[in-house]
Amino acid sequence: MPWPRDDAKLERVRSLMAAYKDKKDLIAIGAYEHGSDALTDQAIAMRQPIDGFLRQHASDGSNANTADTGLLELAAAAPPPMAAAAVVAEPAAAYGPPPGAAASPSAIPPLHLAV
């Protein structure tokens, strides 16, 4: 190959294509909520450049070198993977009433199961 391969970048393009395909129906009907999946959000943002690379007019000439260069440019333009959000553990007391306050009755009645 005339260029050094960067499989991580090329895999990134494949993962974006797969993420878009997985949510394609939701995106098409407008049911996909932006922000619910970072990879899908990035796939949507890269959809036009990916489609542009995959399609060419019959009059456009192409060879292996131009295809390789185009794919590497596309891979370089793909955003890096989003880091997993850090999960912050909250103390259980944060969900109860404030200290010193009377507990309000629950909307769910107690079960009172005999053991």
PDB file of N, CA and C in Angstrom:
ATOM      1  N   MET A   1       0.844  -1.186   0.000  1.00  0.00           N
ATOM      2  CA  MET A   1       0.000   0.000   0.000  1.00  0.00           C
ATOM      3  C   MET A   1       0.883   1.241   0.000  1.00  0.00           C
ATOM      4  N   PRO A   2       0.506   2.265  -0.714  1.00  0.00           N
ATOM      5  CA  PRO A   2       1.350   3.461  -0.820  1.00  0.00           C
ATOM      6  C   PRO A   2       1.288   4.367   0.396  1.00  0.00           C
ATOM      7  N   TRP A   3       0.462   4.082   1.368  1.00  0.00           N
ATOM      8  CA  TRP A   3       0.319   4.954   2.523  1.00  0.00           C
ATOM      9  C   TRP A   3       0.322   4.105   3.782  1.00  0.00           C
ATOM     10  N   PRO A   4       0.724   4.675   4.874  1.00  0.00           N
ATOM     11  CA  PRO A   4       0.668   3.897   6.120  1.00  0.00           C
ATOM     12  C   PRO A   4      -0.772   3.759   6.589  1.00  0.00           C
ATOM     13  N   ARG A   5      -1.166   2.553   6.928  1.00  0.00           N
ATOM     14  CA  ARG A   5      -2.529   2.298   7.378  1.00  0.00           C
ATOM     15  C   ARG A   5      -2.697   2.764   8.811  1.00  0.00           C
ATOM     16  N   ASP A   6      -3.827   3.316   9.091  1.00  0.00           N
ATOM     17  CA  ASP A   6      -4.191   3.649  10.455  1.00  0.00           C
ATOM     18  C   ASP A   6      -5.524   2.971  10.709  1.00  0.00           C
ATOM     19  N   ASP A   7      -5.459   1.718  11.125  1.00  0.00           N
ATOM     20  CA  ASP A   7      -6.667   0.915  11.277  1.00  0.00           C
ATOM     21  C   ASP A   7      -7.647   1.508  12.282  1.00  0.00           C
ATOM     22  N   ALA A   8      -7.149   2.200  13.296  1.00  0.00           N
ATOM     23  CA  ALA A   8      -8.056   2.811  14.285  1.00  0.00           C
ATOM     24  C   ALA A   8      -8.921   3.872  13.620  1.00  0.00           C
ATOM     25  N   LYS A   9      -8.331   4.678  12.760  1.00  0.00           N
ATOM     26  CA  LYS A   9      -9.109   5.711  12.062  1.00  0.00           C
ATOM     27  C   LYS A   9     -10.098   5.076  11.091  1.00  0.00           C
ATOM     28  N   LEU A  10      -9.655   4.049  10.381  1.00  0.00           N
ATOM     29  CA  LEU A  10     -10.544   3.391   9.431  1.00  0.00           C
ATOM     30  C   LEU A  10     -11.684   2.687  10.169  1.00  0.00           C
ATOM     31  N   GLU A  11     -11.384   2.096  11.309  1.00  0.00           N
ATOM     32  CA  GLU A  11     -12.424   1.457  12.120  1.00  0.00           C
ATOM     33  C   GLU A  11     -13.422   2.499  12.622  1.00  0.00           C
ATOM     34  N   ARG A  12     -12.955   3.703  12.870  1.00  0.00           N
ATOM     35  CA  ARG A  12     -13.832   4.788  13.325  1.00  0.00           C
ATOM     36  C   ARG A  12     -14.890   5.090  12.270  1.00  0.00           C
ATOM     37  N   VAL A  13     -14.493   5.128  11.011  1.00  0.00           N
ATOM     38  CA  VAL A  13     -15.453   5.382   9.928  1.00  0.00           C
ATOM     39  C   VAL A  13     -16.467   4.240   9.867  1.00  0.00           C
ATOM     40  N   ARG A  14     -15.986   3.010   9.986  1.00  0.00           N
ATOM     41  CA  ARG A  14     -16.910   1.859   9.964  1.00  0.00           C
ATOM     42  C   ARG A  14     -17.886   1.918  11.138  1.00  0.00           C
ATOM     43  N   SER A  15     -17.399   2.288  12.323  1.00  0.00           N
ATOM     44  CA  SER A  15     -18.293   2.339  13.485  1.00  0.00           C
ATOM     45  C   SER A  15     -19.343   3.443  13.327  1.00  0.00           C
ATOM     46  N   LEU A  16     -18.977   4.560  12.700  1.00  0.00           N
ATOM     47  CA  LEU A  16     -19.952   5.619  12.450  1.00  0.00           C
ATOM     48  C   LEU A  16     -21.018   5.147  11.464  1.00  0.00           C
ATOM     49  N   MET A  17     -20.584   4.428  10.431  1.00  0.00           N
ATOM     50  CA  MET A  17     -21.545   3.904   9.462  1.00  0.00           C
ATOM     51  C   MET A  17     -22.493   2.898  10.125  1.00  0.00           C
ATOM     52  N   ALA A  18     -21.967   2.052  10.999  1.00  0.00           N
ATOM     53  CA  ALA A  18     -22.799   1.061  11.688  1.00  0.00           C
ATOM     54  C   ALA A  18     -23.771   1.733  12.658  1.00  0.00           C
ATOM     55  N   ALA A  19     -23.309   2.756  13.355  1.00  0.00           N
ATOM     56  CA  ALA A  19     -24.179   3.460  14.303  1.00  0.00           C
ATOM     57  C   ALA A  19     -25.341   4.118  13.573  1.00  0.00           C
ATOM     58  N   TYR A  20     -25.055   4.730  12.419  1.00  0.00           N
ATOM     59  CA  TYR A  20     -26.124   5.362  11.645  1.00  0.00           C
ATOM     60  C   TYR A  20     -27.116   4.302  11.158  1.00  0.00           C
ATOM     61  N   LYS A  21     -26.592   3.182  10.688  1.00  0.00           N
ATOM     62  CA  LYS A  21     -27.463   2.118  10.187  1.00  0.00           C
ATOM     63  C   LYS A  21     -28.365   1.585  11.300  1.00  0.00           C
ATOM     64  N   ASP A  22     -27.827   1.438  12.505  1.00  0.00           N
ATOM     65  CA  ASP A  22     -28.616   0.935  13.628  1.00  0.00           C
ATOM     66  C   ASP A  22     -29.790   1.845  13.972  1.00  0.00           C
ATOM     67  N   LYS A  23     -29.622   3.142  13.815  1.00  0.00           N
ATOM     68  CA  LYS A  23     -30.669   4.107  14.196  1.00  0.00           C
ATOM     69  C   LYS A  23     -31.361   4.731  12.988  1.00  0.00           C
ATOM     70  N   LYS A  24     -31.113   4.181  11.816  1.00  0.00           N
ATOM     71  CA  LYS A  24     -31.611   4.767  10.574  1.00  0.00           C
ATOM     72  C   LYS A  24     -33.122   4.981  10.576  1.00  0.00           C
ATOM     73  N   ASP A  25     -33.874   3.996  11.041  1.00  0.00           N
ATOM     74  CA  ASP A  25     -35.337   4.114  11.045  1.00  0.00           C
ATOM     75  C   ASP A  25     -35.800   5.225  11.981  1.00  0.00           C
ATOM     76  N   LEU A  26     -35.209   5.301  13.178  1.00  0.00           N
ATOM     77  CA  LEU A  26     -35.580   6.358  14.117  1.00  0.00           C
ATOM     78  C   LEU A  26     -35.245   7.738  13.558  1.00  0.00           C
ATOM     79  N   ILE A  27     -34.079   7.844  12.912  1.00  0.00           N
ATOM     80  CA  ILE A  27     -33.667   9.120  12.325  1.00  0.00           C
ATOM     81  C   ILE A  27     -34.629   9.516  11.204  1.00  0.00           C
ATOM     82  N   ALA A  28     -35.001   8.552  10.374  1.00  0.00           N
ATOM     83  CA  ALA A  28     -35.859   8.830   9.218  1.00  0.00           C
ATOM     84  C   ALA A  28     -37.234   9.349   9.624  1.00  0.00           C
ATOM     85  N   ILE A  29     -37.788   8.841  10.723  1.00  0.00           N
ATOM     86  CA  ILE A  29     -39.126   9.285  11.126  1.00  0.00           C
ATOM     87  C   ILE A  29     -39.075  10.426  12.132  1.00  0.00           C
ATOM     88  N   GLY A  30     -37.860  10.875  12.467  1.00  0.00           N
ATOM     89  CA  GLY A  30     -37.727  11.993  13.394  1.00  0.00           C
ATOM     90  C   GLY A  30     -37.865  11.605  14.855  1.00  0.00           C
ATOM     91  N   ALA A  31     -37.768  10.314  15.163  1.00  0.00           N
ATOM     92  CA  ALA A  31     -37.931   9.861  16.539  1.00  0.00           C
ATOM     93  C   ALA A  31     -36.600   9.800  17.296  1.00  0.00           C
ATOM     94  N   TYR A  32     -35.487   9.939  16.591  1.00  0.00           N
ATOM     95  CA  TYR A  32     -34.200   9.920  17.289  1.00  0.00           C
ATOM     96  C   TYR A  32     -34.015  11.249  18.006  1.00  0.00           C
ATOM     97  N   GLU A  33     -33.679  11.201  19.290  1.00  0.00           N
ATOM     98  CA  GLU A  33     -33.483  12.404  20.080  1.00  0.00           C
ATOM     99  C   GLU A  33     -31.998  12.726  20.151  1.00  0.00           C
ATOM    100  N   HIS A  34     -31.635  13.871  19.568  1.00  0.00           N
ATOM    101  CA  HIS A  34     -30.236  14.295  19.578  1.00  0.00           C
ATOM    102  C   HIS A  34     -29.734  14.370  21.015  1.00  0.00           C
ATOM    103  N   GLY A  35     -28.565  13.810  21.244  1.00  0.00           N
ATOM    104  CA  GLY A  35     -27.976  13.830  22.574  1.00  0.00           C
ATOM    105  C   GLY A  35     -28.181  12.539  23.344  1.00  0.00           C
ATOM    106  N   SER A  36     -29.009  11.639  22.820  1.00  0.00           N
ATOM    107  CA  SER A  36     -29.253  10.393  23.541  1.00  0.00           C
ATOM    108  C   SER A  36     -28.146   9.370  23.322  1.00  0.00           C
ATOM    109  N   ASP A  37     -27.366   9.514  22.255  1.00  0.00           N
ATOM    110  CA  ASP A  37     -26.259   8.597  21.981  1.00  0.00           C
ATOM    111  C   ASP A  37     -25.175   9.371  21.243  1.00  0.00           C
ATOM    112  N   ALA A  38     -24.023   9.539  21.875  1.00  0.00           N
ATOM    113  CA  ALA A  38     -22.951  10.363  21.315  1.00  0.00           C
ATOM    114  C   ALA A  38     -22.445   9.812  19.982  1.00  0.00           C
ATOM    115  N   LEU A  39     -22.319   8.495  19.862  1.00  0.00           N
ATOM    116  CA  LEU A  39     -21.818   7.911  18.618  1.00  0.00           C
ATOM    117  C   LEU A  39     -22.787   8.164  17.472  1.00  0.00           C
ATOM    118  N   THR A  40     -24.081   8.015  17.739  1.00  0.00           N
ATOM    119  CA  THR A  40     -25.082   8.279  16.695  1.00  0.00           C
ATOM    120  C   THR A  40     -25.096   9.754  16.316  1.00  0.00           C
ATOM    121  N   ASP A  41     -24.924  10.641  17.278  1.00  0.00           N
ATOM    122  CA  ASP A  41     -24.851  12.072  16.979  1.00  0.00           C
ATOM    123  C   ASP A  41     -23.683  12.360  16.039  1.00  0.00           C
ATOM    124  N   GLN A  42     -22.547  11.739  16.298  1.00  0.00           N
ATOM    125  CA  GLN A  42     -21.376  11.929  15.435  1.00  0.00           C
ATOM    126  C   GLN A  42     -21.607  11.307  14.066  1.00  0.00           C
ATOM    127  N   ALA A  43     -22.291  10.159  14.042  1.00  0.00           N
ATOM    128  CA  ALA A  43     -22.591   9.507  12.766  1.00  0.00           C
ATOM    129  C   ALA A  43     -23.497  10.383  11.904  1.00  0.00           C
ATOM    130  N   ILE A  44     -24.460  11.031  12.530  1.00  0.00           N
ATOM    131  CA  ILE A  44     -25.346  11.936  11.792  1.00  0.00           C
ATOM    132  C   ILE A  44     -24.547  13.111  11.236  1.00  0.00           C
ATOM    133  N   ALA A  45     -23.639  13.649  12.033  1.00  0.00           N
ATOM    134  CA  ALA A  45     -22.822  14.779  11.593  1.00  0.00           C
ATOM    135  C   ALA A  45     -21.900  14.398  10.436  1.00  0.00           C
ATOM    136  N   MET A  46     -21.457  13.154  10.394  1.00  0.00           N
ATOM    137  CA  MET A  46     -20.531  12.701   9.345  1.00  0.00           C
ATOM    138  C   MET A  46     -21.240  12.040   8.167  1.00  0.00           C
ATOM    139  N   ARG A  47     -22.559  11.986   8.197  1.00  0.00           N
ATOM    140  CA  ARG A  47     -23.300  11.253   7.168  1.00  0.00           C
ATOM    141  C   ARG A  47     -23.034  11.774   5.758  1.00  0.00           C
ATOM    142  N   GLN A  48     -23.088  13.081   5.555  1.00  0.00           N
ATOM    143  CA  GLN A  48     -22.872  13.626   4.208  1.00  0.00           C
ATOM    144  C   GLN A  48     -21.453  13.373   3.698  1.00  0.00           C
ATOM    145  N   PRO A  49     -20.407  13.610   4.511  1.00  0.00           N
ATOM    146  CA  PRO A  49     -19.064  13.295   4.009  1.00  0.00           C
ATOM    147  C   PRO A  49     -18.876  11.808   3.693  1.00  0.00           C
ATOM    148  N   ILE A  50     -19.456  10.934   4.503  1.00  0.00           N
ATOM    149  CA  ILE A  50     -19.330   9.495   4.240  1.00  0.00           C
ATOM    150  C   ILE A  50     -20.055   9.139   2.954  1.00  0.00           C
ATOM    151  N   ASP A  51     -21.286   9.629   2.793  1.00  0.00           N
ATOM    152  CA  ASP A  51     -22.024   9.366   1.553  1.00  0.00           C
ATOM    153  C   ASP A  51     -21.293   9.929   0.343  1.00  0.00           C
ATOM    154  N   GLY A  52     -20.718  11.106   0.492  1.00  0.00           N
ATOM    155  CA  GLY A  52     -19.965  11.703  -0.607  1.00  0.00           C
ATOM    156  C   GLY A  52     -18.781  10.862  -1.021  1.00  0.00           C
ATOM    157  N   PHE A  53     -18.136  10.240  -0.044  1.00  0.00           N
ATOM    158  CA  PHE A  53     -17.007   9.366  -0.372  1.00  0.00           C
ATOM    159  C   PHE A  53     -17.473   8.090  -1.060  1.00  0.00           C
ATOM    160  N   LEU A  54     -18.586   7.536  -0.601  1.00  0.00           N
ATOM    161  CA  LEU A  54     -19.052   6.257  -1.131  1.00  0.00           C
ATOM    162  C   LEU A  54     -19.692   6.364  -2.506  1.00  0.00           C
ATOM    163  N   ARG A  55     -20.171   7.547  -2.862  1.00  0.00           N
ATOM    164  CA  ARG A  55     -20.832   7.733  -4.161  1.00  0.00           C
ATOM    165  C   ARG A  55     -19.939   8.545  -5.087  1.00  0.00           C
ATOM    166  N   GLN A  56     -19.986   8.199  -6.349  1.00  0.00           N
ATOM    167  CA  GLN A  56     -19.307   9.015  -7.347  1.00  0.00           C
ATOM    168  C   GLN A  56     -20.110   8.959  -8.636  1.00  0.00           C
ATOM    169  N   HIS A  57     -19.990   9.995  -9.398  1.00  0.00           N
ATOM    170  CA  HIS A  57     -20.665  10.035 -10.690  1.00  0.00           C
ATOM    171  C   HIS A  57     -19.948   9.109 -11.667  1.00  0.00           C
ATOM    172  N   ALA A  58     -20.676   8.650 -12.664  1.00  0.00           N
ATOM    173  CA  ALA A  58     -20.094   7.752 -13.660  1.00  0.00           C
ATOM    174  C   ALA A  58     -18.941   8.420 -14.406  1.00  0.00           C
ATOM    175  N   SER A  59     -18.994   9.744 -14.512  1.00  0.00           N
ATOM    176  CA  SER A  59     -17.945  10.452 -15.242  1.00  0.00           C
ATOM    177  C   SER A  59     -16.699  10.701 -14.386  1.00  0.00           C
ATOM    178  N   ASP A  60     -16.798  10.491 -13.077  1.00  0.00           N
ATOM    179  CA  ASP A  60     -15.644  10.688 -12.201  1.00  0.00           C
ATOM    180  C   ASP A  60     -14.724   9.474 -12.281  1.00  0.00           C
ATOM    181  N   GLY A  61     -13.478   9.750 -12.524  1.00  0.00           N
ATOM    182  CA  GLY A  61     -12.503   8.675 -12.547  1.00  0.00           C
ATOM    183  C   GLY A  61     -11.923   8.465 -11.166  1.00  0.00           C
ATOM    184  N   SER A  62     -11.518   7.263 -10.900  1.00  0.00           N
ATOM    185  CA  SER A  62     -10.936   6.962  -9.602  1.00  0.00           C
ATOM    186  C   SER A  62      -9.972   5.797  -9.754  1.00  0.00           C
ATOM    187  N   ASN A  63      -8.936   5.818  -8.949  1.00  0.00           N
ATOM    188  CA  ASN A  63      -8.037   4.682  -8.889  1.00  0.00           C
ATOM    189  C   ASN A  63      -7.764   4.377  -7.425  1.00  0.00           C
ATOM    190  N   ALA A  64      -6.963   3.378  -7.173  1.00  0.00           N
ATOM    191  CA  ALA A  64      -6.717   2.956  -5.792  1.00  0.00           C
ATOM    192  C   ALA A  64      -6.081   4.072  -4.968  1.00  0.00           C
ATOM    193  N   ASN A  65      -5.158   4.822  -5.551  1.00  0.00           N
ATOM    194  CA  ASN A  65      -4.483   5.881  -4.798  1.00  0.00           C
ATOM    195  C   ASN A  65      -5.440   7.006  -4.410  1.00  0.00           C
ATOM    196  N   THR A  66      -6.305   7.435  -5.324  1.00  0.00           N
ATOM    197  CA  THR A  66      -7.241   8.508  -4.975  1.00  0.00           C
ATOM    198  C   THR A  66      -8.287   8.015  -3.977  1.00  0.00           C
ATOM    199  N   ALA A  67      -8.703   6.761  -4.113  1.00  0.00           N
ATOM    200  CA  ALA A  67      -9.660   6.202  -3.152  1.00  0.00           C
ATOM    201  C   ALA A  67      -9.020   6.105  -1.766  1.00  0.00           C
ATOM    202  N   ASP A  68      -7.774   5.654  -1.706  1.00  0.00           N
ATOM    203  CA  ASP A  68      -7.073   5.566  -0.425  1.00  0.00           C
ATOM    204  C   ASP A  68      -6.921   6.933   0.218  1.00  0.00           C
ATOM    205  N   THR A  69      -6.544   7.917  -0.580  1.00  0.00           N
ATOM    206  CA  THR A  69      -6.374   9.272  -0.064  1.00  0.00           C
ATOM    207  C   THR A  69      -7.703   9.821   0.453  1.00  0.00           C
ATOM    208  N   GLY A  70      -8.776   9.610  -0.306  1.00  0.00           N
ATOM    209  CA  GLY A  70     -10.094  10.083   0.116  1.00  0.00           C
ATOM    210  C   GLY A  70     -10.558   9.426   1.403  1.00  0.00           C
ATOM    211  N   LEU A  71     -10.292   8.136   1.539  1.00  0.00           N
ATOM    212  CA  LEU A  71     -10.698   7.434   2.751  1.00  0.00           C
ATOM    213  C   LEU A  71      -9.907   7.927   3.961  1.00  0.00           C
ATOM    214  N   LEU A  72      -8.620   8.152   3.784  1.00  0.00           N
ATOM    215  CA  LEU A  72      -7.816   8.671   4.891  1.00  0.00           C
ATOM    216  C   LEU A  72      -8.244  10.080   5.286  1.00  0.00           C
ATOM    217  N   GLU A  73      -8.609  10.905   4.306  1.00  0.00           N
ATOM    218  CA  GLU A  73      -9.102  12.253   4.616  1.00  0.00           C
ATOM    219  C   GLU A  73     -10.425  12.176   5.375  1.00  0.00           C
ATOM    220  N   LEU A  74     -11.270  11.263   4.960  1.00  0.00           N
ATOM    221  CA  LEU A  74     -12.547  11.071   5.653  1.00  0.00           C
ATOM    222  C   LEU A  74     -12.309  10.586   7.080  1.00  0.00           C
ATOM    223  N   ALA A  75     -11.403   9.642   7.237  1.00  0.00           N
ATOM    224  CA  ALA A  75     -11.090   9.123   8.576  1.00  0.00           C
ATOM    225  C   ALA A  75     -10.507  10.210   9.462  1.00  0.00           C
ATOM    226  N   ALA A  76      -9.688  11.090   8.905  1.00  0.00           N
ATOM    227  CA  ALA A  76      -9.100  12.178   9.688  1.00  0.00           C
ATOM    228  C   ALA A  76     -10.164  13.192  10.103  1.00  0.00           C
ATOM    229  N   ALA A  77     -11.200  13.352   9.286  1.00  0.00           N
ATOM    230  CA  ALA A  77     -12.264  14.314   9.596  1.00  0.00           C
ATOM    231  C   ALA A  77     -13.245  13.768  10.626  1.00  0.00           C
ATOM    232  N   ALA A  78     -13.266  12.441  10.793  1.00  0.00           N
ATOM    233  CA  ALA A  78     -14.196  11.845  11.758  1.00  0.00           C
ATOM    234  C   ALA A  78     -13.804  12.268  13.159  1.00  0.00           C
ATOM    235  N   PRO A  79     -14.789  12.692  13.950  1.00  0.00           N
ATOM    236  CA  PRO A  79     -14.467  13.110  15.320  1.00  0.00           C
ATOM    237  C   PRO A  79     -13.952  11.929  16.124  1.00  0.00           C
ATOM    238  N   PRO A  80     -13.076  12.195  17.090  1.00  0.00           N
ATOM    239  CA  PRO A  80     -12.578  11.095  17.922  1.00  0.00           C
ATOM    240  C   PRO A  80     -13.702  10.522  18.769  1.00  0.00           C
ATOM    241  N   PRO A  81     -13.536   9.284  19.231  1.00  0.00           N
ATOM    242  CA  PRO A  81     -14.589   8.697  20.065  1.00  0.00           C
ATOM    243  C   PRO A  81     -14.834   9.542  21.299  1.00  0.00           C
ATOM    244  N   MET A  82     -16.094   9.611  21.695  1.00  0.00           N
ATOM    245  CA  MET A  82     -16.453  10.351  22.897  1.00  0.00           C
ATOM    246  C   MET A  82     -16.029   9.533  24.101  1.00  0.00           C
ATOM    247  N   ALA A  83     -15.450  10.203  25.082  1.00  0.00           N
ATOM    248  CA  ALA A  83     -15.087   9.525  26.322  1.00  0.00           C
ATOM    249  C   ALA A  83     -16.357   9.193  27.085  1.00  0.00           C
ATOM    250  N   ALA A  84     -16.339   8.067  27.735  1.00  0.00           N
ATOM    251  CA  ALA A  84     -17.507   7.684  28.540  1.00  0.00           C
ATOM    252  C   ALA A  84     -17.683   8.686  29.661  1.00  0.00           C
ATOM    253  N   ALA A  85     -18.903   9.067  29.884  1.00  0.00           N
ATOM    254  CA  ALA A  85     -19.181  10.038  30.941  1.00  0.00           C
ATOM    255  C   ALA A  85     -18.847   9.421  32.293  1.00  0.00           C
ATOM    256  N   ALA A  86     -18.229  10.198  33.118  1.00  0.00           N
ATOM    257  CA  ALA A  86     -17.889   9.715  34.452  1.00  0.00           C
ATOM    258  C   ALA A  86     -19.162   9.597  35.273  1.00  0.00           C
ATOM    259  N   VAL A  87     -19.307   8.492  35.925  1.00  0.00           N
ATOM    260  CA  VAL A  87     -20.486   8.272  36.768  1.00  0.00           C
ATOM    261  C   VAL A  87     -20.128   8.706  38.177  1.00  0.00           C
ATOM    262  N   VAL A  88     -20.895   9.620  38.691  1.00  0.00           N
ATOM    263  CA  VAL A  88     -20.663  10.129  40.034  1.00  0.00           C
ATOM    264  C   VAL A  88     -21.666   9.481  40.963  1.00  0.00           C
ATOM    265  N   ALA A  89     -21.153   8.789  41.947  1.00  0.00           N
ATOM    266  CA  ALA A  89     -22.035   8.140  42.904  1.00  0.00           C
ATOM    267  C   ALA A  89     -22.570   9.186  43.873  1.00  0.00           C
ATOM    268  N   GLU A  90     -23.872   9.160  44.080  1.00  0.00           N
ATOM    269  CA  GLU A  90     -24.501  10.077  45.020  1.00  0.00           C
ATOM    270  C   GLU A  90     -24.874   9.298  46.262  1.00  0.00           C
ATOM    271  N   PRO A  91     -24.715   9.881  47.413  1.00  0.00           N
ATOM    272  CA  PRO A  91     -25.111   9.167  48.623  1.00  0.00           C
ATOM    273  C   PRO A  91     -26.621   8.944  48.636  1.00  0.00           C
ATOM    274  N   ALA A  92     -27.031   7.829  49.227  1.00  0.00           N
ATOM    275  CA  ALA A  92     -28.450   7.497  49.273  1.00  0.00           C
ATOM    276  C   ALA A  92     -29.238   8.554  50.026  1.00  0.00           C
ATOM    277  N   ALA A  93     -28.598   9.223  50.967  1.00  0.00           N
ATOM    278  CA  ALA A  93     -29.291  10.245  51.753  1.00  0.00           C
ATOM    279  C   ALA A  93     -29.746  11.407  50.878  1.00  0.00           C
ATOM    280  N   ALA A  94     -29.118  11.584  49.725  1.00  0.00           N
ATOM    281  CA  ALA A  94     -29.491  12.692  48.851  1.00  0.00           C
ATOM    282  C   ALA A  94     -30.911  12.535  48.326  1.00  0.00           C
ATOM    283  N   TYR A  95     -31.442  11.319  48.362  1.00  0.00           N
ATOM    284  CA  TYR A  95     -32.775  11.091  47.827  1.00  0.00           C
ATOM    285  C   TYR A  95     -33.872  11.165  48.886  1.00  0.00           C
ATOM    286  N   GLY A  96     -33.499  11.199  50.127  1.00  0.00           N
ATOM    287  CA  GLY A  96     -34.482  11.256  51.203  1.00  0.00           C
ATOM    288  C   GLY A  96     -34.789  12.694  51.569  1.00  0.00           C
ATOM    289  N   PRO A  97     -35.609  12.889  52.608  1.00  0.00           N
ATOM    290  CA  PRO A  97     -35.924  14.248  53.040  1.00  0.00           C
ATOM    291  C   PRO A  97     -34.683  14.897  53.647  1.00  0.00           C
ATOM    292  N   PRO A  98     -34.611  16.214  53.652  1.00  0.00           N
ATOM    293  CA  PRO A  98     -33.472  16.892  54.256  1.00  0.00           C
ATOM    294  C   PRO A  98     -33.402  16.563  55.748  1.00  0.00           C
ATOM    295  N   PRO A  99     -32.211  16.596  56.304  1.00  0.00           N
ATOM    296  CA  PRO A  99     -32.083  16.289  57.727  1.00  0.00           C
ATOM    297  C   PRO A  99     -32.983  17.200  58.558  1.00  0.00           C
ATOM    298  N   GLY A 100     -33.693  16.611  59.523  1.00  0.00           N
ATOM    299  CA  GLY A 100     -34.566  17.374  60.407  1.00  0.00           C
ATOM    300  C   GLY A 100     -35.957  17.583  59.862  1.00  0.00           C
ATOM    301  N   ALA A 101     -36.199  17.276  58.597  1.00  0.00           N
ATOM    302  CA  ALA A 101     -37.529  17.469  58.018  1.00  0.00           C
ATOM    303  C   ALA A 101     -38.343  16.205  58.218  1.00  0.00           C
ATOM    304  N   ALA A 102     -39.630  16.377  58.347  1.00  0.00           N
ATOM    305  CA  ALA A 102     -40.513  15.222  58.505  1.00  0.00           C
ATOM    306  C   ALA A 102     -40.639  14.516  57.165  1.00  0.00           C
ATOM    307  N   ALA A 103     -40.625  13.203  57.221  1.00  0.00           N
ATOM    308  CA  ALA A 103     -40.765  12.428  55.986  1.00  0.00           C
ATOM    309  C   ALA A 103     -42.183  12.560  55.466  1.00  0.00           C
ATOM    310  N   SER A 104     -42.315  12.817  54.189  1.00  0.00           N
ATOM    311  CA  SER A 104     -43.648  12.921  53.612  1.00  0.00           C
ATOM    312  C   SER A 104     -44.128  11.524  53.247  1.00  0.00           C
ATOM    313  N   PRO A 105     -45.442  11.303  53.259  1.00  0.00           N
ATOM    314  CA  PRO A 105     -45.940   9.965  52.933  1.00  0.00           C
ATOM    315  C   PRO A 105     -45.630   9.627  51.476  1.00  0.00           C
ATOM    316  N   SER A 106     -45.356   8.370  51.256  1.00  0.00           N
ATOM    317  CA  SER A 106     -45.016   7.894  49.920  1.00  0.00           C
ATOM    318  C   SER A 106     -46.275   7.668  49.105  1.00  0.00           C
ATOM    319  N   ALA A 107     -46.163   7.849  47.818  1.00  0.00           N
ATOM    320  CA  ALA A 107     -47.286   7.563  46.929  1.00  0.00           C
ATOM    321  C   ALA A 107     -47.457   6.059  46.766  1.00  0.00           C
ATOM    322  N   ILE A 108     -46.430   5.296  47.156  1.00  0.00           N
ATOM    323  CA  ILE A 108     -46.492   3.841  47.069  1.00  0.00           C
ATOM    324  C   ILE A 108     -46.717   3.305  48.475  1.00  0.00           C
ATOM    325  N   PRO A 109     -47.802   2.603  48.707  1.00  0.00           N
ATOM    326  CA  PRO A 109     -48.070   2.103  50.061  1.00  0.00           C
ATOM    327  C   PRO A 109     -47.095   1.000  50.441  1.00  0.00           C
ATOM    328  N   PRO A 110     -46.794   0.849  51.731  1.00  0.00           N
ATOM    329  CA  PRO A 110     -45.898  -0.224  52.162  1.00  0.00           C
ATOM    330  C   PRO A 110     -46.542  -1.583  51.915  1.00  0.00           C
ATOM    331  N   LEU A 111     -45.714  -2.571  51.693  1.00  0.00           N
ATOM    332  CA  LEU A 111     -46.245  -3.906  51.370  1.00  0.00           C
ATOM    333  C   LEU A 111     -46.609  -4.719  52.614  1.00  0.00           C
ATOM    334  N   HIS A 112     -45.933  -4.538  53.735  1.00  0.00           N
ATOM    335  CA  HIS A 112     -46.189  -5.286  54.979  1.00  0.00           C
ATOM    336  C   HIS A 112     -46.238  -6.783  54.722  1.00  0.00           C
ATOM    337  N   LEU A 113     -45.175  -7.294  54.175  1.00  0.00           N
ATOM    338  CA  LEU A 113     -45.106  -8.728  53.902  1.00  0.00           C
ATOM    339  C   LEU A 113     -44.681  -9.483  55.147  1.00  0.00           C
ATOM    340  N   ALA A 114     -45.339 -10.585  55.442  1.00  0.00           N
ATOM    341  CA  ALA A 114     -44.963 -11.423  56.574  1.00  0.00           C
ATOM    342  C   ALA A 114     -43.814 -12.317  56.137  1.00  0.00           C
ATOM    343  N   VAL A 115     -42.823 -12.431  57.003  1.00  0.00           N
ATOM    344  CA  VAL A 115     -41.662 -13.246  56.652  1.00  0.00           C
ATOM    345  C   VAL A 115     -41.656 -14.504  57.462  1.00  0.00           C
TER     346      VAL A 115
END
